[in-house]
């Protein structure tokens, strides 16, 4: 296999524990439109709010007829009110400090424009060569468009990139893009998983990551098309 030249991270659930912030944001919109709140115990609804782009969330939970109005309402919300509810994933900062000296880093997320401001707020933007959000593409994950765009921006071929995600949408996007996938905390059904960012650093810097990719995984069939 080729040497890994780029690592692309999902945002919510991988860089940040942002579930409570996301639910607070969406519930503010739901309340304005007379819809019941979504809680952390609401299963599929919670997962939708945590992984899908806003247009999809509003379309499913409010109905297509209210989607555009909900997006307009949400665009006027001050996201800063929700930032205090966000927390960095454990070990993230030292991991980024170590990794960015050896490999190009990027972000690809179904989140919208707030991504950039949040990274700046936590002083993380400097570690990433590029950030791709749902506003940069026509089709969000699980479509591979944003992963392929991120790879192009960092100058890496698809078989030189590792995508780190925590959801089925992430795994499906990586498979469709023909990229290696690393399942963060094992919720995405991936072949290879890590339980934390310190493990990623240890594997990458020791060469163990590429050995595991070679032994345990092959590129998806889409790379042969």
N, C-alpha and C. Protein backbone atom coordinates (compact mmCIF):
# COMPACT_ATOMS: atom_id res chain seq x y z
N UNK A 1 0.84 -1.19 0.00
CA UNK A 1 0.00 0.00 0.00
C UNK A 1 0.88 1.25 0.00
N UNK A 2 0.34 2.36 -0.48
CA UNK A 2 1.06 3.62 -0.46
C UNK A 2 1.12 4.18 0.96
N UNK A 3 2.11 5.00 1.20
CA UNK A 3 2.25 5.64 2.51
C UNK A 3 1.09 6.60 2.74
N UNK A 4 0.56 6.63 3.97
CA UNK A 4 -0.51 7.54 4.31
C UNK A 4 0.06 8.96 4.35
N UNK A 5 -0.48 9.82 3.47
CA UNK A 5 -0.02 11.21 3.38
C UNK A 5 -1.01 12.19 4.01
N UNK A 6 -2.23 11.75 4.24
CA UNK A 6 -3.22 12.64 4.80
C UNK A 6 -4.19 11.91 5.72
N UNK A 7 -4.57 12.57 6.79
CA UNK A 7 -5.59 12.07 7.69
C UNK A 7 -6.72 13.09 7.73
N UNK A 8 -7.91 12.64 7.38
CA UNK A 8 -9.09 13.51 7.39
C UNK A 8 -9.95 13.10 8.58
N UNK A 9 -10.37 14.08 9.35
CA UNK A 9 -11.19 13.83 10.53
C UNK A 9 -12.63 14.29 10.30
N UNK A 10 -13.57 13.49 10.79
CA UNK A 10 -14.91 14.01 10.98
C UNK A 10 -14.85 15.01 12.14
N UNK A 11 -15.90 15.77 12.33
CA UNK A 11 -15.91 16.83 13.34
C UNK A 11 -16.65 16.38 14.60
N UNK A 12 -17.98 16.26 14.49
CA UNK A 12 -18.79 15.92 15.65
C UNK A 12 -18.57 14.46 16.07
N UNK A 13 -18.25 14.28 17.34
CA UNK A 13 -18.03 12.94 17.86
C UNK A 13 -16.62 12.43 17.69
N UNK A 14 -15.80 13.14 16.90
CA UNK A 14 -14.41 12.73 16.69
C UNK A 14 -13.46 13.80 17.23
N UNK A 15 -13.63 15.03 16.77
CA UNK A 15 -12.85 16.13 17.35
C UNK A 15 -13.51 16.67 18.62
N UNK A 16 -14.83 16.67 18.61
CA UNK A 16 -15.58 17.25 19.73
C UNK A 16 -16.66 16.30 20.23
N UNK A 17 -16.87 16.33 21.53
CA UNK A 17 -18.08 15.78 22.12
C UNK A 17 -19.10 16.91 22.03
N UNK A 18 -19.90 16.89 20.98
CA UNK A 18 -20.78 18.02 20.68
C UNK A 18 -22.25 17.64 20.72
N UNK A 19 -22.57 16.48 21.24
CA UNK A 19 -23.96 16.02 21.22
C UNK A 19 -24.89 17.00 21.92
N UNK A 20 -24.53 17.44 23.11
CA UNK A 20 -25.42 18.32 23.86
C UNK A 20 -25.55 19.68 23.17
N UNK A 21 -24.47 20.16 22.57
CA UNK A 21 -24.54 21.42 21.83
C UNK A 21 -25.44 21.28 20.60
N UNK A 22 -25.29 20.18 19.90
CA UNK A 22 -26.11 19.97 18.70
C UNK A 22 -27.59 19.87 19.05
N UNK A 23 -27.90 19.13 20.10
CA UNK A 23 -29.30 18.98 20.50
C UNK A 23 -29.88 20.32 20.96
N UNK A 24 -29.09 21.11 21.68
CA UNK A 24 -29.57 22.42 22.12
C UNK A 24 -29.86 23.31 20.92
N UNK A 25 -28.99 23.26 19.93
CA UNK A 25 -29.17 24.05 18.70
C UNK A 25 -30.45 23.63 17.97
N UNK A 26 -30.59 22.34 17.72
CA UNK A 26 -31.77 21.87 16.99
C UNK A 26 -33.05 22.07 17.80
N UNK A 27 -32.98 21.86 19.09
CA UNK A 27 -34.18 22.01 19.90
C UNK A 27 -34.65 23.47 19.96
N UNK A 28 -33.73 24.40 19.82
CA UNK A 28 -34.13 25.81 19.72
C UNK A 28 -34.98 26.04 18.48
N UNK A 29 -34.58 25.40 17.38
CA UNK A 29 -35.35 25.51 16.14
C UNK A 29 -36.67 24.76 16.27
N UNK A 30 -36.61 23.55 16.81
CA UNK A 30 -37.84 22.75 16.94
C UNK A 30 -38.88 23.48 17.79
N UNK A 31 -38.44 24.11 18.86
CA UNK A 31 -39.38 24.83 19.72
C UNK A 31 -40.05 25.97 18.95
N UNK A 32 -39.26 26.66 18.13
CA UNK A 32 -39.82 27.78 17.36
C UNK A 32 -40.86 27.31 16.36
N UNK A 33 -40.75 26.06 15.93
CA UNK A 33 -41.68 25.53 14.93
C UNK A 33 -42.71 24.57 15.54
N UNK A 34 -42.79 24.60 16.88
CA UNK A 34 -43.82 23.82 17.55
C UNK A 34 -43.60 22.33 17.55
N UNK A 35 -42.35 21.89 17.38
CA UNK A 35 -42.03 20.46 17.38
C UNK A 35 -41.45 20.06 18.73
N UNK A 36 -41.62 18.82 19.15
CA UNK A 36 -41.08 18.38 20.44
C UNK A 36 -39.56 18.31 20.41
N UNK A 37 -38.92 18.46 21.56
CA UNK A 37 -37.46 18.38 21.60
C UNK A 37 -36.96 16.96 21.38
N UNK A 38 -35.72 16.87 20.96
CA UNK A 38 -35.04 15.58 20.83
C UNK A 38 -34.07 15.45 21.99
N UNK A 39 -34.07 14.30 22.65
CA UNK A 39 -33.16 14.07 23.78
C UNK A 39 -32.09 13.06 23.38
N UNK A 40 -31.12 12.92 24.26
CA UNK A 40 -30.02 11.98 24.02
C UNK A 40 -30.51 10.54 24.02
N UNK A 41 -31.71 10.31 24.51
CA UNK A 41 -32.25 8.95 24.56
C UNK A 41 -33.19 8.63 23.41
N UNK A 42 -33.25 9.53 22.43
CA UNK A 42 -34.23 9.37 21.35
C UNK A 42 -33.72 8.58 20.14
N UNK A 43 -32.67 7.83 20.33
CA UNK A 43 -32.23 6.87 19.32
C UNK A 43 -31.97 7.45 17.96
N UNK A 44 -32.80 7.06 16.98
CA UNK A 44 -32.58 7.46 15.60
C UNK A 44 -32.66 8.96 15.42
N UNK A 45 -33.56 9.63 16.14
CA UNK A 45 -33.67 11.09 16.02
C UNK A 45 -32.40 11.76 16.53
N UNK A 46 -31.89 11.27 17.66
CA UNK A 46 -30.65 11.81 18.19
C UNK A 46 -29.51 11.61 17.21
N UNK A 47 -29.40 10.41 16.64
CA UNK A 47 -28.33 10.11 15.70
C UNK A 47 -28.43 10.99 14.46
N UNK A 48 -29.64 11.23 14.00
CA UNK A 48 -29.84 12.11 12.85
C UNK A 48 -29.32 13.51 13.14
N UNK A 49 -29.67 14.04 14.31
CA UNK A 49 -29.23 15.39 14.69
C UNK A 49 -27.72 15.47 14.84
N UNK A 50 -27.10 14.36 15.17
CA UNK A 50 -25.67 14.36 15.45
C UNK A 50 -24.81 14.09 14.22
N UNK A 51 -25.41 13.53 13.16
CA UNK A 51 -24.59 13.12 12.02
C UNK A 51 -25.00 13.73 10.68
N UNK A 52 -26.27 14.07 10.51
CA UNK A 52 -26.75 14.56 9.22
C UNK A 52 -26.57 16.08 9.12
N UNK A 53 -26.66 16.61 7.90
CA UNK A 53 -26.62 18.04 7.73
C UNK A 53 -27.98 18.64 8.10
N UNK A 54 -27.99 19.94 8.36
CA UNK A 54 -29.19 20.58 8.90
C UNK A 54 -30.39 20.44 7.98
N UNK A 55 -30.18 20.57 6.68
CA UNK A 55 -31.30 20.47 5.75
C UNK A 55 -31.99 19.12 5.88
N UNK A 56 -31.20 18.07 6.03
CA UNK A 56 -31.77 16.73 6.17
C UNK A 56 -32.50 16.59 7.51
N UNK A 57 -31.91 17.12 8.57
CA UNK A 57 -32.55 17.04 9.89
C UNK A 57 -33.92 17.72 9.85
N UNK A 58 -33.98 18.93 9.32
CA UNK A 58 -35.24 19.67 9.30
C UNK A 58 -36.26 19.02 8.37
N UNK A 59 -35.78 18.47 7.27
CA UNK A 59 -36.69 17.81 6.34
C UNK A 59 -37.35 16.59 6.98
N UNK A 60 -36.56 15.81 7.72
CA UNK A 60 -37.08 14.59 8.33
C UNK A 60 -37.96 14.89 9.54
N UNK A 61 -37.51 15.79 10.40
CA UNK A 61 -38.19 16.00 11.67
C UNK A 61 -39.24 17.10 11.65
N UNK A 62 -39.16 18.01 10.69
CA UNK A 62 -40.17 19.06 10.59
C UNK A 62 -41.03 18.94 9.34
N UNK A 63 -40.55 18.20 8.37
CA UNK A 63 -41.28 18.07 7.12
C UNK A 63 -40.67 18.95 6.04
N UNK A 64 -40.74 18.49 4.82
CA UNK A 64 -40.13 19.21 3.70
C UNK A 64 -40.69 20.62 3.57
N UNK A 65 -41.96 20.80 3.90
CA UNK A 65 -42.60 22.11 3.72
C UNK A 65 -42.05 23.16 4.70
N UNK A 66 -41.43 22.72 5.81
CA UNK A 66 -40.89 23.66 6.79
C UNK A 66 -39.37 23.74 6.73
N UNK A 67 -38.77 22.92 5.88
CA UNK A 67 -37.30 22.83 5.86
C UNK A 67 -36.64 24.18 5.61
N UNK A 68 -37.02 24.86 4.55
CA UNK A 68 -36.35 26.11 4.19
C UNK A 68 -36.55 27.20 5.23
N UNK A 69 -37.76 27.26 5.79
CA UNK A 69 -38.01 28.25 6.84
C UNK A 69 -37.17 27.95 8.07
N UNK A 70 -37.03 26.68 8.40
CA UNK A 70 -36.21 26.29 9.55
C UNK A 70 -34.74 26.62 9.31
N UNK A 71 -34.27 26.40 8.10
CA UNK A 71 -32.88 26.75 7.77
C UNK A 71 -32.66 28.25 7.90
N UNK A 72 -33.62 29.04 7.45
CA UNK A 72 -33.50 30.49 7.56
C UNK A 72 -33.48 30.93 9.02
N UNK A 73 -34.36 30.32 9.83
CA UNK A 73 -34.40 30.64 11.26
C UNK A 73 -33.07 30.27 11.91
N UNK A 74 -32.56 29.07 11.59
CA UNK A 74 -31.31 28.60 12.19
C UNK A 74 -30.13 29.48 11.79
N UNK A 75 -30.17 30.02 10.57
CA UNK A 75 -29.07 30.86 10.10
C UNK A 75 -28.93 32.14 10.92
N UNK A 76 -30.02 32.56 11.55
CA UNK A 76 -29.99 33.78 12.36
C UNK A 76 -29.61 33.51 13.81
N UNK A 77 -29.48 32.24 14.19
CA UNK A 77 -29.08 31.93 15.56
C UNK A 77 -27.61 32.24 15.77
N UNK A 78 -27.27 32.72 16.93
CA UNK A 78 -25.87 32.96 17.28
C UNK A 78 -25.29 31.66 17.83
N UNK A 79 -24.44 31.02 17.04
CA UNK A 79 -23.93 29.70 17.44
C UNK A 79 -23.07 29.80 18.70
N UNK A 80 -22.55 30.99 19.01
CA UNK A 80 -21.68 31.13 20.18
C UNK A 80 -22.39 30.72 21.47
N UNK A 81 -23.71 30.81 21.49
CA UNK A 81 -24.44 30.43 22.71
C UNK A 81 -24.35 28.93 22.99
N UNK A 82 -24.02 28.15 21.94
CA UNK A 82 -23.96 26.70 22.11
C UNK A 82 -22.52 26.18 22.30
N UNK A 83 -21.54 27.02 22.01
CA UNK A 83 -20.14 26.59 22.09
C UNK A 83 -19.74 26.12 23.49
N UNK A 84 -20.22 26.79 24.57
CA UNK A 84 -19.84 26.30 25.91
C UNK A 84 -20.28 24.87 26.21
N UNK A 85 -21.21 24.35 25.41
CA UNK A 85 -21.66 22.97 25.61
C UNK A 85 -20.76 21.96 24.90
N UNK A 86 -19.80 22.44 24.12
CA UNK A 86 -18.91 21.56 23.37
C UNK A 86 -17.64 21.28 24.17
N UNK A 87 -17.12 20.08 24.06
CA UNK A 87 -15.88 19.70 24.72
C UNK A 87 -14.96 19.00 23.74
N UNK A 88 -13.67 19.29 23.83
CA UNK A 88 -12.70 18.57 23.01
C UNK A 88 -12.70 17.10 23.41
N UNK A 89 -12.58 16.24 22.41
CA UNK A 89 -12.41 14.82 22.72
C UNK A 89 -11.10 14.62 23.49
N UNK A 90 -11.08 13.70 24.47
CA UNK A 90 -9.88 13.48 25.28
C UNK A 90 -8.65 13.20 24.43
N UNK A 91 -7.56 13.87 24.76
CA UNK A 91 -6.29 13.65 24.08
C UNK A 91 -6.18 14.27 22.70
N UNK A 92 -7.19 15.04 22.28
CA UNK A 92 -7.17 15.58 20.91
C UNK A 92 -6.02 16.55 20.69
N UNK A 93 -5.87 17.52 21.57
CA UNK A 93 -4.89 18.57 21.34
C UNK A 93 -3.47 18.04 21.22
N UNK A 94 -2.99 17.23 22.16
CA UNK A 94 -1.63 16.69 21.97
C UNK A 94 -1.51 15.81 20.74
N UNK A 95 -2.59 15.13 20.37
CA UNK A 95 -2.56 14.30 19.17
C UNK A 95 -2.37 15.15 17.93
N UNK A 96 -3.09 16.24 17.83
CA UNK A 96 -2.95 17.13 16.67
C UNK A 96 -1.56 17.74 16.62
N UNK A 97 -1.04 18.11 17.76
CA UNK A 97 0.31 18.69 17.81
C UNK A 97 1.34 17.70 17.27
N UNK A 98 1.19 16.44 17.64
CA UNK A 98 2.16 15.43 17.20
C UNK A 98 1.96 15.06 15.73
N UNK A 99 0.71 14.86 15.34
CA UNK A 99 0.43 14.36 13.99
C UNK A 99 0.74 15.39 12.91
N UNK A 100 0.44 16.64 13.16
CA UNK A 100 0.57 17.60 12.07
C UNK A 100 2.02 17.88 11.69
N UNK A 101 2.95 17.42 12.51
CA UNK A 101 4.36 17.53 12.16
C UNK A 101 4.79 16.45 11.16
N UNK A 102 3.97 15.40 11.03
CA UNK A 102 4.37 14.26 10.21
C UNK A 102 3.42 13.97 9.05
N UNK A 103 2.19 14.48 9.10
CA UNK A 103 1.20 14.13 8.09
C UNK A 103 0.25 15.32 7.94
N UNK A 104 -0.29 15.47 6.74
CA UNK A 104 -1.23 16.56 6.49
C UNK A 104 -2.61 16.20 7.05
N UNK A 105 -3.21 17.15 7.76
CA UNK A 105 -4.49 16.92 8.41
C UNK A 105 -5.59 17.77 7.77
N UNK A 106 -6.80 17.23 7.78
CA UNK A 106 -7.95 17.94 7.21
C UNK A 106 -9.20 17.55 7.98
N UNK A 107 -10.28 18.28 7.72
CA UNK A 107 -11.58 18.00 8.31
C UNK A 107 -12.61 17.88 7.19
N UNK A 108 -13.50 16.92 7.30
CA UNK A 108 -14.63 16.80 6.37
C UNK A 108 -15.86 16.49 7.20
N UNK A 109 -16.84 17.38 7.16
CA UNK A 109 -17.98 17.27 8.07
C UNK A 109 -19.28 17.71 7.41
N UNK A 110 -20.36 17.08 7.83
CA UNK A 110 -21.69 17.51 7.39
C UNK A 110 -22.16 18.77 8.10
N UNK A 111 -21.39 19.23 9.08
CA UNK A 111 -21.70 20.50 9.74
C UNK A 111 -21.54 21.63 8.72
N UNK A 112 -22.11 22.78 9.03
CA UNK A 112 -22.09 23.91 8.09
C UNK A 112 -20.98 24.89 8.43
N UNK A 113 -21.21 26.16 8.12
CA UNK A 113 -20.17 27.18 8.26
C UNK A 113 -19.68 27.42 9.66
N UNK A 114 -20.42 27.01 10.68
CA UNK A 114 -19.96 27.20 12.06
C UNK A 114 -18.68 26.44 12.34
N UNK A 115 -18.36 25.46 11.51
CA UNK A 115 -17.16 24.64 11.72
C UNK A 115 -15.91 25.50 11.86
N UNK A 116 -15.72 26.43 10.95
CA UNK A 116 -14.50 27.24 10.94
C UNK A 116 -14.39 28.07 12.22
N UNK A 117 -15.49 28.71 12.60
CA UNK A 117 -15.46 29.57 13.79
C UNK A 117 -15.21 28.76 15.06
N UNK A 118 -15.75 27.56 15.12
CA UNK A 118 -15.54 26.71 16.30
C UNK A 118 -14.07 26.28 16.38
N UNK A 119 -13.49 25.91 15.25
CA UNK A 119 -12.08 25.54 15.25
C UNK A 119 -11.21 26.71 15.68
N UNK A 120 -11.56 27.92 15.22
CA UNK A 120 -10.81 29.10 15.63
C UNK A 120 -10.99 29.37 17.12
N UNK A 121 -12.20 29.20 17.62
CA UNK A 121 -12.49 29.45 19.03
C UNK A 121 -11.63 28.56 19.92
N UNK A 122 -11.43 27.31 19.52
CA UNK A 122 -10.64 26.37 20.32
C UNK A 122 -9.17 26.34 19.89
N UNK A 123 -8.80 27.27 19.00
CA UNK A 123 -7.42 27.38 18.52
C UNK A 123 -6.91 26.10 17.86
N UNK A 124 -7.77 25.48 17.06
CA UNK A 124 -7.41 24.24 16.38
C UNK A 124 -7.22 24.42 14.87
N UNK A 125 -7.66 25.53 14.32
CA UNK A 125 -7.65 25.69 12.87
C UNK A 125 -6.25 25.56 12.28
N UNK A 126 -5.25 25.97 13.02
CA UNK A 126 -3.87 25.97 12.51
C UNK A 126 -3.34 24.57 12.22
N UNK A 127 -4.00 23.54 12.76
CA UNK A 127 -3.52 22.18 12.55
C UNK A 127 -4.03 21.56 11.25
N UNK A 128 -5.01 22.19 10.61
CA UNK A 128 -5.66 21.57 9.46
C UNK A 128 -5.37 22.34 8.18
N UNK A 129 -4.90 21.60 7.17
CA UNK A 129 -4.61 22.21 5.87
C UNK A 129 -5.88 22.72 5.21
N UNK A 130 -6.96 21.96 5.34
CA UNK A 130 -8.22 22.37 4.75
C UNK A 130 -9.38 21.84 5.58
N UNK A 131 -10.51 22.51 5.46
CA UNK A 131 -11.75 22.11 6.12
C UNK A 131 -12.85 22.10 5.07
N UNK A 132 -13.51 20.98 4.92
CA UNK A 132 -14.61 20.85 3.95
C UNK A 132 -15.90 20.62 4.72
N UNK A 133 -16.90 21.46 4.46
CA UNK A 133 -18.20 21.32 5.11
C UNK A 133 -19.27 21.05 4.06
N UNK A 134 -20.50 20.88 4.54
CA UNK A 134 -21.59 20.62 3.60
C UNK A 134 -21.85 21.80 2.68
N UNK A 135 -21.35 22.98 3.04
CA UNK A 135 -21.52 24.14 2.18
C UNK A 135 -20.56 24.14 0.99
N UNK A 136 -19.56 23.27 1.02
CA UNK A 136 -18.58 23.20 -0.06
C UNK A 136 -18.93 22.19 -1.14
N UNK A 137 -19.97 21.41 -0.91
CA UNK A 137 -20.32 20.33 -1.83
C UNK A 137 -21.81 20.35 -2.13
N UNK A 138 -22.19 19.62 -3.14
CA UNK A 138 -23.62 19.52 -3.48
C UNK A 138 -24.28 18.33 -2.81
N UNK A 139 -23.46 17.35 -2.40
CA UNK A 139 -24.00 16.14 -1.78
C UNK A 139 -23.22 15.83 -0.50
N UNK A 140 -23.87 15.88 0.66
CA UNK A 140 -23.18 15.59 1.92
C UNK A 140 -22.92 14.10 2.08
N UNK A 141 -22.19 13.74 3.12
CA UNK A 141 -22.00 12.33 3.44
C UNK A 141 -23.35 11.67 3.68
N UNK A 142 -23.54 10.45 3.22
CA UNK A 142 -22.53 9.44 2.87
C UNK A 142 -21.99 9.52 1.45
N UNK A 143 -22.39 10.50 0.66
CA UNK A 143 -21.76 10.67 -0.64
C UNK A 143 -20.27 10.97 -0.43
N UNK A 144 -19.39 10.48 -1.29
CA UNK A 144 -17.95 10.67 -1.08
C UNK A 144 -17.42 12.03 -1.51
N UNK A 145 -18.29 12.92 -2.01
CA UNK A 145 -17.81 14.16 -2.62
C UNK A 145 -16.90 14.96 -1.70
N UNK A 146 -17.28 15.14 -0.44
CA UNK A 146 -16.47 16.00 0.42
C UNK A 146 -15.13 15.35 0.79
N UNK A 147 -15.08 14.02 0.88
CA UNK A 147 -13.81 13.36 1.15
C UNK A 147 -12.87 13.49 -0.03
N UNK A 148 -13.40 13.33 -1.22
CA UNK A 148 -12.57 13.47 -2.42
C UNK A 148 -12.09 14.90 -2.59
N UNK A 149 -12.93 15.87 -2.25
CA UNK A 149 -12.52 17.27 -2.31
C UNK A 149 -11.41 17.55 -1.31
N UNK A 150 -11.56 17.04 -0.09
CA UNK A 150 -10.52 17.24 0.92
C UNK A 150 -9.20 16.63 0.48
N UNK A 151 -9.26 15.42 -0.09
CA UNK A 151 -8.03 14.77 -0.57
C UNK A 151 -7.38 15.59 -1.68
N UNK A 152 -8.20 16.11 -2.59
CA UNK A 152 -7.65 16.93 -3.69
C UNK A 152 -6.99 18.19 -3.14
N UNK A 153 -7.60 18.78 -2.15
CA UNK A 153 -7.05 20.02 -1.59
C UNK A 153 -5.72 19.80 -0.89
N UNK A 154 -5.50 18.61 -0.31
CA UNK A 154 -4.23 18.36 0.37
C UNK A 154 -3.23 17.66 -0.55
N UNK A 155 -3.64 17.41 -1.79
CA UNK A 155 -2.72 16.84 -2.77
C UNK A 155 -2.40 15.38 -2.54
N UNK A 156 -3.38 14.62 -2.05
CA UNK A 156 -3.15 13.20 -1.79
C UNK A 156 -4.11 12.35 -2.61
N UNK A 157 -3.64 11.22 -3.09
CA UNK A 157 -4.50 10.28 -3.78
C UNK A 157 -5.40 9.59 -2.77
N UNK A 158 -6.50 9.04 -3.26
CA UNK A 158 -7.47 8.43 -2.34
C UNK A 158 -6.88 7.27 -1.55
N UNK A 159 -5.91 6.54 -2.13
CA UNK A 159 -5.32 5.43 -1.40
C UNK A 159 -4.15 5.87 -0.52
N UNK A 160 -3.99 7.19 -0.38
CA UNK A 160 -2.98 7.75 0.52
C UNK A 160 -3.64 8.47 1.70
N UNK A 161 -4.96 8.28 1.83
CA UNK A 161 -5.72 9.03 2.82
C UNK A 161 -6.43 8.08 3.78
N UNK A 162 -6.46 8.48 5.03
CA UNK A 162 -7.21 7.79 6.07
C UNK A 162 -8.30 8.72 6.58
N UNK A 163 -9.52 8.23 6.64
CA UNK A 163 -10.62 9.02 7.20
C UNK A 163 -10.98 8.46 8.56
N UNK A 164 -11.04 9.34 9.56
CA UNK A 164 -11.38 8.96 10.93
C UNK A 164 -12.79 9.45 11.23
N UNK A 165 -13.71 8.51 11.44
CA UNK A 165 -15.10 8.88 11.68
C UNK A 165 -15.72 8.01 12.74
N UNK A 166 -16.95 8.37 13.12
CA UNK A 166 -17.60 7.65 14.22
C UNK A 166 -19.02 7.21 13.89
N UNK A 167 -19.42 7.29 12.62
CA UNK A 167 -20.79 6.93 12.28
C UNK A 167 -20.82 6.10 11.01
N UNK A 168 -21.96 5.46 10.79
CA UNK A 168 -22.14 4.69 9.56
C UNK A 168 -22.03 5.59 8.33
N UNK A 169 -22.51 6.82 8.43
CA UNK A 169 -22.38 7.76 7.31
C UNK A 169 -20.92 7.97 6.95
N UNK A 170 -20.07 8.09 7.97
CA UNK A 170 -18.64 8.28 7.73
C UNK A 170 -18.03 7.06 7.04
N UNK A 171 -18.37 5.88 7.56
CA UNK A 171 -17.82 4.66 6.98
C UNK A 171 -18.25 4.50 5.52
N UNK A 172 -19.52 4.73 5.25
CA UNK A 172 -20.02 4.59 3.89
C UNK A 172 -19.38 5.60 2.94
N UNK A 173 -19.15 6.82 3.43
CA UNK A 173 -18.50 7.84 2.61
C UNK A 173 -17.07 7.43 2.27
N UNK A 174 -16.34 6.91 3.27
CA UNK A 174 -14.96 6.48 3.03
C UNK A 174 -14.92 5.32 2.05
N UNK A 175 -15.82 4.37 2.21
CA UNK A 175 -15.86 3.23 1.29
C UNK A 175 -16.16 3.69 -0.14
N UNK A 176 -17.12 4.61 -0.27
CA UNK A 176 -17.47 5.10 -1.60
C UNK A 176 -16.34 5.91 -2.23
N UNK A 177 -15.53 6.56 -1.37
CA UNK A 177 -14.40 7.34 -1.87
C UNK A 177 -13.19 6.47 -2.17
N UNK A 178 -13.21 5.22 -1.71
CA UNK A 178 -12.05 4.36 -1.89
C UNK A 178 -10.91 4.70 -0.95
N UNK A 179 -11.26 5.16 0.25
CA UNK A 179 -10.26 5.54 1.24
C UNK A 179 -10.28 4.56 2.41
N UNK A 180 -9.16 4.48 3.11
CA UNK A 180 -9.12 3.71 4.34
C UNK A 180 -9.96 4.40 5.40
N UNK A 181 -10.60 3.61 6.24
CA UNK A 181 -11.46 4.16 7.28
C UNK A 181 -11.03 3.64 8.64
N UNK A 182 -10.96 4.55 9.61
CA UNK A 182 -10.64 4.20 10.98
C UNK A 182 -11.84 4.56 11.85
N UNK A 183 -12.39 3.58 12.50
CA UNK A 183 -13.62 3.70 13.27
C UNK A 183 -13.28 4.22 14.67
N UNK A 184 -13.66 5.48 14.93
CA UNK A 184 -13.37 6.10 16.23
C UNK A 184 -14.37 5.62 17.27
N UNK A 185 -13.90 4.88 18.23
CA UNK A 185 -14.69 4.31 19.33
C UNK A 185 -15.65 3.20 18.90
N UNK A 186 -15.54 2.74 17.67
CA UNK A 186 -16.20 1.51 17.27
C UNK A 186 -17.68 1.56 17.00
N UNK A 187 -18.25 2.76 16.80
CA UNK A 187 -19.70 2.85 16.59
C UNK A 187 -20.10 2.78 15.13
N UNK A 188 -19.15 2.79 14.22
CA UNK A 188 -19.47 2.90 12.79
C UNK A 188 -19.47 1.57 12.05
N UNK A 189 -19.10 0.51 12.74
CA UNK A 189 -19.07 -0.79 12.08
C UNK A 189 -17.87 -0.99 11.19
N UNK A 190 -16.79 -0.27 11.45
CA UNK A 190 -15.59 -0.39 10.64
C UNK A 190 -14.74 -1.58 11.03
N UNK A 191 -13.88 -2.01 10.10
CA UNK A 191 -12.99 -3.14 10.37
C UNK A 191 -11.91 -2.78 11.37
N UNK A 192 -11.37 -1.57 11.24
CA UNK A 192 -10.32 -1.10 12.14
C UNK A 192 -10.87 -0.01 13.03
N UNK A 193 -10.52 -0.07 14.32
CA UNK A 193 -11.04 0.91 15.25
C UNK A 193 -9.95 1.38 16.20
N UNK A 194 -10.17 2.57 16.75
CA UNK A 194 -9.35 3.07 17.84
C UNK A 194 -10.30 3.56 18.93
N UNK A 195 -9.80 3.61 20.14
CA UNK A 195 -10.63 4.05 21.26
C UNK A 195 -10.29 5.45 21.73
N UNK A 196 -9.28 6.07 21.10
CA UNK A 196 -8.93 7.43 21.49
C UNK A 196 -7.84 7.98 20.59
N UNK A 197 -7.62 9.28 20.69
CA UNK A 197 -6.66 9.94 19.81
C UNK A 197 -5.22 9.57 20.14
N UNK A 198 -4.92 9.29 21.38
CA UNK A 198 -3.56 8.89 21.72
C UNK A 198 -3.19 7.57 21.04
N UNK A 199 -4.18 6.70 20.87
CA UNK A 199 -3.94 5.44 20.17
C UNK A 199 -3.62 5.68 18.71
N UNK A 200 -4.30 6.64 18.09
CA UNK A 200 -4.02 6.98 16.69
C UNK A 200 -2.58 7.47 16.54
N UNK A 201 -2.15 8.35 17.45
CA UNK A 201 -0.78 8.87 17.38
C UNK A 201 0.23 7.74 17.52
N UNK A 202 0.02 6.88 18.49
CA UNK A 202 0.96 5.77 18.71
C UNK A 202 1.05 4.87 17.49
N UNK A 203 -0.09 4.54 16.91
CA UNK A 203 -0.11 3.67 15.74
C UNK A 203 0.57 4.33 14.55
N UNK A 204 0.28 5.60 14.33
CA UNK A 204 0.82 6.28 13.16
C UNK A 204 2.32 6.47 13.27
N UNK A 205 2.79 6.98 14.38
CA UNK A 205 4.20 7.31 14.52
C UNK A 205 5.08 6.06 14.61
N UNK A 206 4.48 4.93 15.04
CA UNK A 206 5.25 3.69 15.13
C UNK A 206 5.24 2.89 13.83
N UNK A 207 4.42 3.30 12.89
CA UNK A 207 4.25 2.52 11.66
C UNK A 207 3.22 1.41 11.80
N UNK A 208 2.67 1.27 13.01
CA UNK A 208 1.70 0.21 13.23
C UNK A 208 0.40 0.41 12.49
N UNK A 209 0.04 1.66 12.22
CA UNK A 209 -1.21 1.92 11.51
C UNK A 209 -1.17 1.36 10.11
N UNK A 210 -0.10 1.63 9.38
CA UNK A 210 0.00 1.13 8.01
C UNK A 210 0.09 -0.39 7.98
N UNK A 211 0.74 -0.98 8.97
CA UNK A 211 0.78 -2.44 9.04
C UNK A 211 -0.62 -3.01 9.25
N UNK A 212 -1.38 -2.38 10.14
CA UNK A 212 -2.75 -2.86 10.39
C UNK A 212 -3.63 -2.68 9.16
N UNK A 213 -3.46 -1.58 8.45
CA UNK A 213 -4.24 -1.36 7.24
C UNK A 213 -3.90 -2.41 6.19
N UNK A 214 -2.63 -2.75 6.09
CA UNK A 214 -2.20 -3.73 5.10
C UNK A 214 -2.73 -5.12 5.44
N UNK A 215 -2.68 -5.48 6.71
CA UNK A 215 -3.08 -6.82 7.14
C UNK A 215 -4.60 -6.97 7.22
N UNK A 216 -5.24 -5.96 7.80
CA UNK A 216 -6.65 -6.11 8.17
C UNK A 216 -7.64 -5.54 7.18
N UNK A 217 -7.16 -4.78 6.21
CA UNK A 217 -8.10 -4.08 5.34
C UNK A 217 -7.55 -4.01 3.93
N UNK A 218 -8.47 -4.02 2.98
CA UNK A 218 -8.14 -3.72 1.60
C UNK A 218 -8.98 -2.56 1.16
N UNK A 219 -8.53 -1.86 0.13
CA UNK A 219 -9.33 -0.75 -0.37
C UNK A 219 -10.65 -1.26 -0.93
N UNK A 220 -11.73 -0.52 -0.76
CA UNK A 220 -13.03 -0.93 -1.27
C UNK A 220 -13.02 -1.10 -2.78
N UNK A 221 -13.98 -1.85 -3.31
CA UNK A 221 -14.04 -2.09 -4.75
C UNK A 221 -14.13 -0.83 -5.57
N UNK A 222 -14.62 0.28 -5.00
CA UNK A 222 -14.78 1.50 -5.78
C UNK A 222 -13.46 2.01 -6.33
N UNK A 223 -12.31 1.62 -5.69
CA UNK A 223 -11.03 2.08 -6.19
C UNK A 223 -10.67 1.39 -7.50
N UNK A 224 -11.36 0.32 -7.82
CA UNK A 224 -11.04 -0.41 -9.03
C UNK A 224 -11.90 0.02 -10.22
N UNK A 225 -12.84 0.90 -9.96
CA UNK A 225 -13.75 1.32 -11.02
C UNK A 225 -13.09 2.34 -11.93
